[in-house]
PDB file of N, CA and C in Angstrom:
ATOM      1  N   MET A   1       0.851  -1.177   0.000  1.00  0.00           N
ATOM      2  CA  MET A   1       0.000   0.000   0.000  1.00  0.00           C
ATOM      3  C   MET A   1       0.888   1.228   0.000  1.00  0.00           C
ATOM      4  N   LYS A   2       0.358   2.295  -0.601  1.00  0.00           N
ATOM      5  CA  LYS A   2       1.092   3.555  -0.655  1.00  0.00           C
ATOM      6  C   LYS A   2       0.218   4.662  -0.082  1.00  0.00           C
ATOM      7  N   GLU A   3       0.870   5.607   0.557  1.00  0.00           N
ATOM      8  CA  GLU A   3       0.150   6.746   1.118  1.00  0.00           C
ATOM      9  C   GLU A   3      -0.281   7.683  -0.007  1.00  0.00           C
ATOM     10  N   LEU A   4      -1.542   8.057   0.028  1.00  0.00           N
ATOM     11  CA  LEU A   4      -2.084   8.976  -0.957  1.00  0.00           C
ATOM     12  C   LEU A   4      -2.310  10.349  -0.353  1.00  0.00           C
ATOM     13  N   LEU A   5      -2.766  10.380   0.891  1.00  0.00           N
ATOM     14  CA  LEU A   5      -3.190  11.625   1.509  1.00  0.00           C
ATOM     15  C   LEU A   5      -2.905  11.580   2.993  1.00  0.00           C
ATOM     16  N   ARG A   6      -2.523  12.738   3.533  1.00  0.00           N
ATOM     17  CA  ARG A   6      -2.331  12.874   4.974  1.00  0.00           C
ATOM     18  C   ARG A   6      -2.998  14.199   5.361  1.00  0.00           C
ATOM     19  N   SER A   7      -3.945  14.137   6.301  1.00  0.00           N
ATOM     20  CA  SER A   7      -4.688  15.344   6.659  1.00  0.00           C
ATOM     21  C   SER A   7      -5.219  15.269   8.085  1.00  0.00           C
ATOM     22  N   ASN A   8      -5.332  16.416   8.708  1.00  0.00           N
ATOM     23  CA  ASN A   8      -5.968  16.532  10.020  1.00  0.00           C
ATOM     24  C   ASN A   8      -7.471  16.780   9.884  1.00  0.00           C
ATOM     25  N   ASP A   9      -7.915  17.070   8.678  1.00  0.00           N
ATOM     26  CA  ASP A   9      -9.312  17.433   8.424  1.00  0.00           C
ATOM     27  C   ASP A   9     -10.126  16.184   8.059  1.00  0.00           C
ATOM     28  N   PRO A  10     -11.019  15.743   8.946  1.00  0.00           N
ATOM     29  CA  PRO A  10     -11.803  14.529   8.658  1.00  0.00           C
ATOM     30  C   PRO A  10     -12.732  14.686   7.461  1.00  0.00           C
ATOM     31  N   THR A  11     -13.127  15.923   7.128  1.00  0.00           N
ATOM     32  CA  THR A  11     -14.003  16.108   5.970  1.00  0.00           C
ATOM     33  C   THR A  11     -13.247  15.866   4.669  1.00  0.00           C
ATOM     34  N   VAL A  12     -11.974  16.216   4.619  1.00  0.00           N
ATOM     35  CA  VAL A  12     -11.153  15.952   3.429  1.00  0.00           C
ATOM     36  C   VAL A  12     -10.997  14.449   3.238  1.00  0.00           C
ATOM     37  N   ILE A  13     -10.731  13.756   4.340  1.00  0.00           N
ATOM     38  CA  ILE A  13     -10.576  12.298   4.282  1.00  0.00           C
ATOM     39  C   ILE A  13     -11.874  11.640   3.799  1.00  0.00           C
ATOM     40  N   ALA A  14     -13.001  12.074   4.335  1.00  0.00           N
ATOM     41  CA  ALA A  14     -14.294  11.496   3.956  1.00  0.00           C
ATOM     42  C   ALA A  14     -14.609  11.764   2.482  1.00  0.00           C
ATOM     43  N   PHE A  15     -14.346  12.977   2.021  1.00  0.00           N
ATOM     44  CA  PHE A  15     -14.603  13.335   0.626  1.00  0.00           C
ATOM     45  C   PHE A  15     -13.707  12.531  -0.309  1.00  0.00           C
ATOM     46  N   ALA A  16     -12.422  12.449   0.033  1.00  0.00           N
ATOM     47  CA  ALA A  16     -11.477  11.679  -0.787  1.00  0.00           C
ATOM     48  C   ALA A  16     -11.885  10.215  -0.838  1.00  0.00           C
ATOM     49  N   SER A  17     -12.290   9.669   0.278  1.00  0.00           N
ATOM     50  CA  SER A  17     -12.713   8.280   0.341  1.00  0.00           C
ATOM     51  C   SER A  17     -13.930   8.037  -0.556  1.00  0.00           C
ATOM     52  N   ALA A  18     -14.888   8.937  -0.516  1.00  0.00           N
ATOM     53  CA  ALA A  18     -16.086   8.804  -1.352  1.00  0.00           C
ATOM     54  C   ALA A  18     -15.730   8.895  -2.837  1.00  0.00           C
ATOM     55  N   LEU A  19     -14.844   9.824  -3.192  1.00  0.00           N
ATOM     56  CA  LEU A  19     -14.422   9.952  -4.587  1.00  0.00           C
ATOM     57  C   LEU A  19     -13.718   8.691  -5.079  1.00  0.00           C
ATOM     58  N   LEU A  20     -12.795   8.195  -4.271  1.00  0.00           N
ATOM     59  CA  LEU A  20     -12.030   7.018  -4.674  1.00  0.00           C
ATOM     60  C   LEU A  20     -12.922   5.788  -4.805  1.00  0.00           C
ATOM     61  N   ARG A  21     -13.794   5.593  -3.857  1.00  0.00           N
ATOM     62  CA  ARG A  21     -14.695   4.439  -3.928  1.00  0.00           C
ATOM     63  C   ARG A  21     -15.652   4.552  -5.112  1.00  0.00           C
ATOM     64  N   GLY A  22     -16.037   5.782  -5.433  1.00  0.00           N
ATOM     65  CA  GLY A  22     -16.873   6.011  -6.612  1.00  0.00           C
ATOM     66  C   GLY A  22     -16.171   5.646  -7.906  1.00  0.00           C
ATOM     67  N   GLU A  23     -14.844   5.723  -7.905  1.00  0.00           N
ATOM     68  CA  GLU A  23     -14.041   5.356  -9.068  1.00  0.00           C
ATOM     69  C   GLU A  23     -13.608   3.891  -9.022  1.00  0.00           C
ATOM     70  N   GLY A  24     -14.044   3.167  -8.005  1.00  0.00           N
ATOM     71  CA  GLY A  24     -13.700   1.753  -7.882  1.00  0.00           C
ATOM     72  C   GLY A  24     -12.309   1.505  -7.332  1.00  0.00           C
ATOM     73  N   ILE A  25     -11.756   2.490  -6.617  1.00  0.00           N
ATOM     74  CA  ILE A  25     -10.432   2.367  -6.021  1.00  0.00           C
ATOM     75  C   ILE A  25     -10.603   2.107  -4.527  1.00  0.00           C
ATOM     76  N   ASP A  26     -10.105   0.961  -4.068  1.00  0.00           N
ATOM     77  CA  ASP A  26     -10.174   0.648  -2.647  1.00  0.00           C
ATOM     78  C   ASP A  26      -9.183   1.523  -1.889  1.00  0.00           C
ATOM     79  N   CYS A  27      -9.607   2.030  -0.733  1.00  0.00           N
ATOM     80  CA  CYS A  27      -8.722   2.839   0.092  1.00  0.00           C
ATOM     81  C   CYS A  27      -8.909   2.437   1.556  1.00  0.00           C
ATOM     82  N   PHE A  28      -7.887   2.730   2.336  1.00  0.00           N
ATOM     83  CA  PHE A  28      -7.897   2.368   3.743  1.00  0.00           C
ATOM     84  C   PHE A  28      -7.399   3.553   4.553  1.00  0.00           C
ATOM     85  N   GLU A  29      -8.154   3.942   5.555  1.00  0.00           N
ATOM     86  CA  GLU A  29      -7.794   5.070   6.411  1.00  0.00           C
ATOM     87  C   GLU A  29      -7.014   4.567   7.625  1.00  0.00           C
ATOM     88  N   MET A  30      -5.836   5.124   7.821  1.00  0.00           N
ATOM     89  CA  MET A  30      -4.997   4.730   8.942  1.00  0.00           C
ATOM     90  C   MET A  30      -4.954   5.845   9.982  1.00  0.00           C
ATOM     91  N   ASP A  31      -4.605   5.486  11.187  1.00  0.00           N
ATOM     92  CA  ASP A  31      -4.442   6.417  12.306  1.00  0.00           C
ATOM     93  C   ASP A  31      -5.752   7.028  12.785  1.00  0.00           C
ATOM     94  N   VAL A  32      -6.858   6.391  12.488  1.00  0.00           N
ATOM     95  CA  VAL A  32      -8.172   6.905  12.895  1.00  0.00           C
ATOM     96  C   VAL A  32      -8.300   6.956  14.410  1.00  0.00           C
ATOM     97  N   ASN A  33      -7.833   5.928  15.083  1.00  0.00           N
ATOM     98  CA  ASN A  33      -8.005   5.846  16.529  1.00  0.00           C
ATOM     99  C   ASN A  33      -6.899   6.533  17.324  1.00  0.00           C
ATOM    100  N   MET A  34      -5.999   7.217  16.645  1.00  0.00           N
ATOM    101  CA  MET A  34      -4.940   7.947  17.348  1.00  0.00           C
ATOM    102  C   MET A  34      -5.504   9.108  18.169  1.00  0.00           C
ATOM    103  N   SER A  35      -6.712   9.564  17.827  1.00  0.00           N
ATOM    104  CA  SER A  35      -7.316  10.662  18.576  1.00  0.00           C
ATOM    105  C   SER A  35      -7.528  10.287  20.035  1.00  0.00           C
ATOM    106  N   VAL A  36      -7.684   9.006  20.314  1.00  0.00           N
ATOM    107  CA  VAL A  36      -7.834   8.550  21.699  1.00  0.00           C
ATOM    108  C   VAL A  36      -6.552   8.843  22.473  1.00  0.00           C
ATOM    109  N   LEU A  37      -5.424   8.616  21.838  1.00  0.00           N
ATOM    110  CA  LEU A  37      -4.140   8.847  22.494  1.00  0.00           C
ATOM    111  C   LEU A  37      -3.786  10.321  22.612  1.00  0.00           C
ATOM    112  N   GLU A  38      -4.197  11.129  21.643  1.00  0.00           N
ATOM    113  CA  GLU A  38      -3.845  12.547  21.657  1.00  0.00           C
ATOM    114  C   GLU A  38      -4.869  13.404  22.386  1.00  0.00           C
ATOM    115  N   GLY A  39      -5.956  12.838  22.802  1.00  0.00           N
ATOM    116  CA  GLY A  39      -6.977  13.591  23.518  1.00  0.00           C
ATOM    117  C   GLY A  39      -7.957  14.317  22.624  1.00  0.00           C
ATOM    118  N   SER A  40      -8.104  13.882  21.379  1.00  0.00           N
ATOM    119  CA  SER A  40      -9.056  14.446  20.406  1.00  0.00           C
ATOM    120  C   SER A  40      -8.811  15.909  20.079  1.00  0.00           C
ATOM    121  N   ILE A  41      -7.552  16.338  20.078  1.00  0.00           N
ATOM    122  CA  ILE A  41      -7.268  17.736  19.727  1.00  0.00           C
ATOM    123  C   ILE A  41      -6.874  17.901  18.266  1.00  0.00           C
ATOM    124  N   GLY A  42      -6.744  16.813  17.537  1.00  0.00           N
ATOM    125  CA  GLY A  42      -6.548  16.878  16.096  1.00  0.00           C
ATOM    126  C   GLY A  42      -5.153  17.220  15.612  1.00  0.00           C
ATOM    127  N   ILE A  43      -4.134  16.934  16.392  1.00  0.00           N
ATOM    128  CA  ILE A  43      -2.784  17.279  15.946  1.00  0.00           C
ATOM    129  C   ILE A  43      -2.131  16.174  15.122  1.00  0.00           C
ATOM    130  N   LEU A  44      -2.592  14.954  15.282  1.00  0.00           N
ATOM    131  CA  LEU A  44      -2.016  13.840  14.516  1.00  0.00           C
ATOM    132  C   LEU A  44      -2.835  13.619  13.248  1.00  0.00           C
ATOM    133  N   PRO A  45      -2.196  13.714  12.099  1.00  0.00           N
ATOM    134  CA  PRO A  45      -2.952  13.545  10.850  1.00  0.00           C
ATOM    135  C   PRO A  45      -3.328  12.095  10.597  1.00  0.00           C
ATOM    136  N   ARG A  46      -4.408  11.930   9.867  1.00  0.00           N
ATOM    137  CA  ARG A  46      -4.831  10.613   9.405  1.00  0.00           C
ATOM    138  C   ARG A  46      -4.224  10.397   8.025  1.00  0.00           C
ATOM    139  N   ARG A  47      -3.971   9.139   7.701  1.00  0.00           N
ATOM    140  CA  ARG A  47      -3.403   8.802   6.402  1.00  0.00           C
ATOM    141  C   ARG A  47      -4.377   7.946   5.615  1.00  0.00           C
ATOM    142  N   MET A  48      -4.476   8.238   4.333  1.00  0.00           N
ATOM    143  CA  MET A  48      -5.276   7.417   3.437  1.00  0.00           C
ATOM    144  C   MET A  48      -4.321   6.636   2.547  1.00  0.00           C
ATOM    145  N   MET A  49      -4.510   5.325   2.537  1.00  0.00           N
ATOM    146  CA  MET A  49      -3.646   4.434   1.772  1.00  0.00           C
ATOM    147  C   MET A  49      -4.438   3.794   0.636  1.00  0.00           C
ATOM    148  N   VAL A  50      -3.737   3.548  -0.476  1.00  0.00           N
ATOM    149  CA  VAL A  50      -4.325   2.835  -1.607  1.00  0.00           C
ATOM    150  C   VAL A  50      -3.334   1.761  -2.058  1.00  0.00           C
ATOM    151  N   ARG A  51      -3.803   0.811  -2.829  1.00  0.00           N
ATOM    152  CA  ARG A  51      -2.906  -0.207  -3.375  1.00  0.00           C
ATOM    153  C   ARG A  51      -1.874   0.462  -4.284  1.00  0.00           C
ATOM    154  N   ALA A  52      -0.689  -0.092  -4.303  1.00  0.00           N
ATOM    155  CA  ALA A  52       0.393   0.473  -5.117  1.00  0.00           C
ATOM    156  C   ALA A  52      -0.021   0.567  -6.586  1.00  0.00           C
ATOM    157  N   GLU A  53      -0.719  -0.430  -7.077  1.00  0.00           N
ATOM    158  CA  GLU A  53      -1.115  -0.410  -8.492  1.00  0.00           C
ATOM    159  C   GLU A  53      -2.217   0.608  -8.789  1.00  0.00           C
ATOM    160  N   ASP A  54      -2.923   1.091  -7.765  1.00  0.00           N
ATOM    161  CA  ASP A  54      -3.973   2.102  -7.939  1.00  0.00           C
ATOM    162  C   ASP A  54      -3.484   3.515  -7.630  1.00  0.00           C
ATOM    163  N   HIS A  55      -2.255   3.653  -7.159  1.00  0.00           N
ATOM    164  CA  HIS A  55      -1.767   4.933  -6.651  1.00  0.00           C
ATOM    165  C   HIS A  55      -1.810   6.046  -7.702  1.00  0.00           C
ATOM    166  N   GLU A  56      -1.317   5.780  -8.890  1.00  0.00           N
ATOM    167  CA  GLU A  56      -1.287   6.812  -9.936  1.00  0.00           C
ATOM    168  C   GLU A  56      -2.690   7.264 -10.325  1.00  0.00           C
ATOM    169  N   ARG A  57      -3.580   6.299 -10.482  1.00  0.00           N
ATOM    170  CA  ARG A  57      -4.972   6.631 -10.832  1.00  0.00           C
ATOM    171  C   ARG A  57      -5.645   7.403  -9.701  1.00  0.00           C
ATOM    172  N   ALA A  58      -5.361   7.021  -8.455  1.00  0.00           N
ATOM    173  CA  ALA A  58      -5.926   7.719  -7.302  1.00  0.00           C
ATOM    174  C   ALA A  58      -5.408   9.156  -7.231  1.00  0.00           C
ATOM    175  N   GLN A  59      -4.127   9.367  -7.530  1.00  0.00           N
ATOM    176  CA  GLN A  59      -3.586  10.725  -7.542  1.00  0.00           C
ATOM    177  C   GLN A  59      -4.289  11.575  -8.596  1.00  0.00           C
ATOM    178  N   ARG A  60      -4.570  10.981  -9.737  1.00  0.00           N
ATOM    179  CA  ARG A  60      -5.270  11.703 -10.796  1.00  0.00           C
ATOM    180  C   ARG A  60      -6.668  12.130 -10.331  1.00  0.00           C
ATOM    181  N   VAL A  61      -7.372  11.230  -9.641  1.00  0.00           N
ATOM    182  CA  VAL A  61      -8.709  11.546  -9.114  1.00  0.00           C
ATOM    183  C   VAL A  61      -8.608  12.704  -8.125  1.00  0.00           C
ATOM    184  N   MET A  62      -7.593  12.670  -7.274  1.00  0.00           N
ATOM    185  CA  MET A  62      -7.409  13.738  -6.285  1.00  0.00           C
ATOM    186  C   MET A  62      -7.126  15.078  -6.975  1.00  0.00           C
ATOM    187  N   ARG A  63      -6.236  15.077  -7.942  1.00  0.00           N
ATOM    188  CA  ARG A  63      -5.894  16.326  -8.663  1.00  0.00           C
ATOM    189  C   ARG A  63      -7.117  16.871  -9.400  1.00  0.00           C
ATOM    190  N   ASP A  64      -7.873  15.998 -10.035  1.00  0.00           N
ATOM    191  CA  ASP A  64      -9.062  16.434 -10.787  1.00  0.00           C
ATOM    192  C   ASP A  64     -10.101  17.088  -9.887  1.00  0.00           C
ATOM    193  N   ASN A  65     -10.059  16.793  -8.600  1.00  0.00           N
ATOM    194  CA  ASN A  65     -11.023  17.348  -7.650  1.00  0.00           C
ATOM    195  C   ASN A  65     -10.385  18.354  -6.696  1.00  0.00           C
ATOM    196  N   ASP A  66      -9.204  18.854  -7.060  1.00  0.00           N
ATOM    197  CA  ASP A  66      -8.488  19.883  -6.287  1.00  0.00           C
ATOM    198  C   ASP A  66      -8.233  19.492  -4.845  1.00  0.00           C
ATOM    199  N   LEU A  67      -7.938  18.220  -4.624  1.00  0.00           N
ATOM    200  CA  LEU A  67      -7.580  17.750  -3.291  1.00  0.00           C
ATOM    201  C   LEU A  67      -6.070  17.525  -3.230  1.00  0.00           C
ATOM    202  N   PRO A  68      -5.443  17.857  -2.117  1.00  0.00           N
ATOM    203  CA  PRO A  68      -4.000  17.658  -2.008  1.00  0.00           C
ATOM    204  C   PRO A  68      -3.661  16.169  -1.865  1.00  0.00           C
ATOM    205  N   THR A  69      -2.470  15.814  -2.282  1.00  0.00           N
ATOM    206  CA  THR A  69      -1.994  14.452  -2.047  1.00  0.00           C
ATOM    207  C   THR A  69      -0.743  14.535  -1.190  1.00  0.00           C
ATOM    208  N   GLY A  70      -0.544  13.515  -0.398  1.00  0.00           N
ATOM    209  CA  GLY A  70       0.612  13.501   0.489  1.00  0.00           C
ATOM    210  C   GLY A  70       1.808  12.831  -0.124  1.00  0.00           C
ATOM    211  N   ALA A  71       1.653  12.279  -1.306  1.00  0.00           N
ATOM    212  CA  ALA A  71       2.780  11.572  -1.938  1.00  0.00           C
ATOM    213  C   ALA A  71       2.855  11.887  -3.403  1.00  0.00           C
TER     214      ALA A  71
END
């Protein structure tokens, strides 16, 4: 898996996830439960991962929708 996106904003993660799934690209959100350790103050970013073979296509989907990519 490769990192596609890293963000502290849960709405960006949710939007990106919906876009990718709409394009048939499986994605996995990492670090979701880190908020328990940090006290829910939002300083630790969440990461969105995609399969290595889907990474280029996923980046294209992100760029087409003006979303930043972390890789």
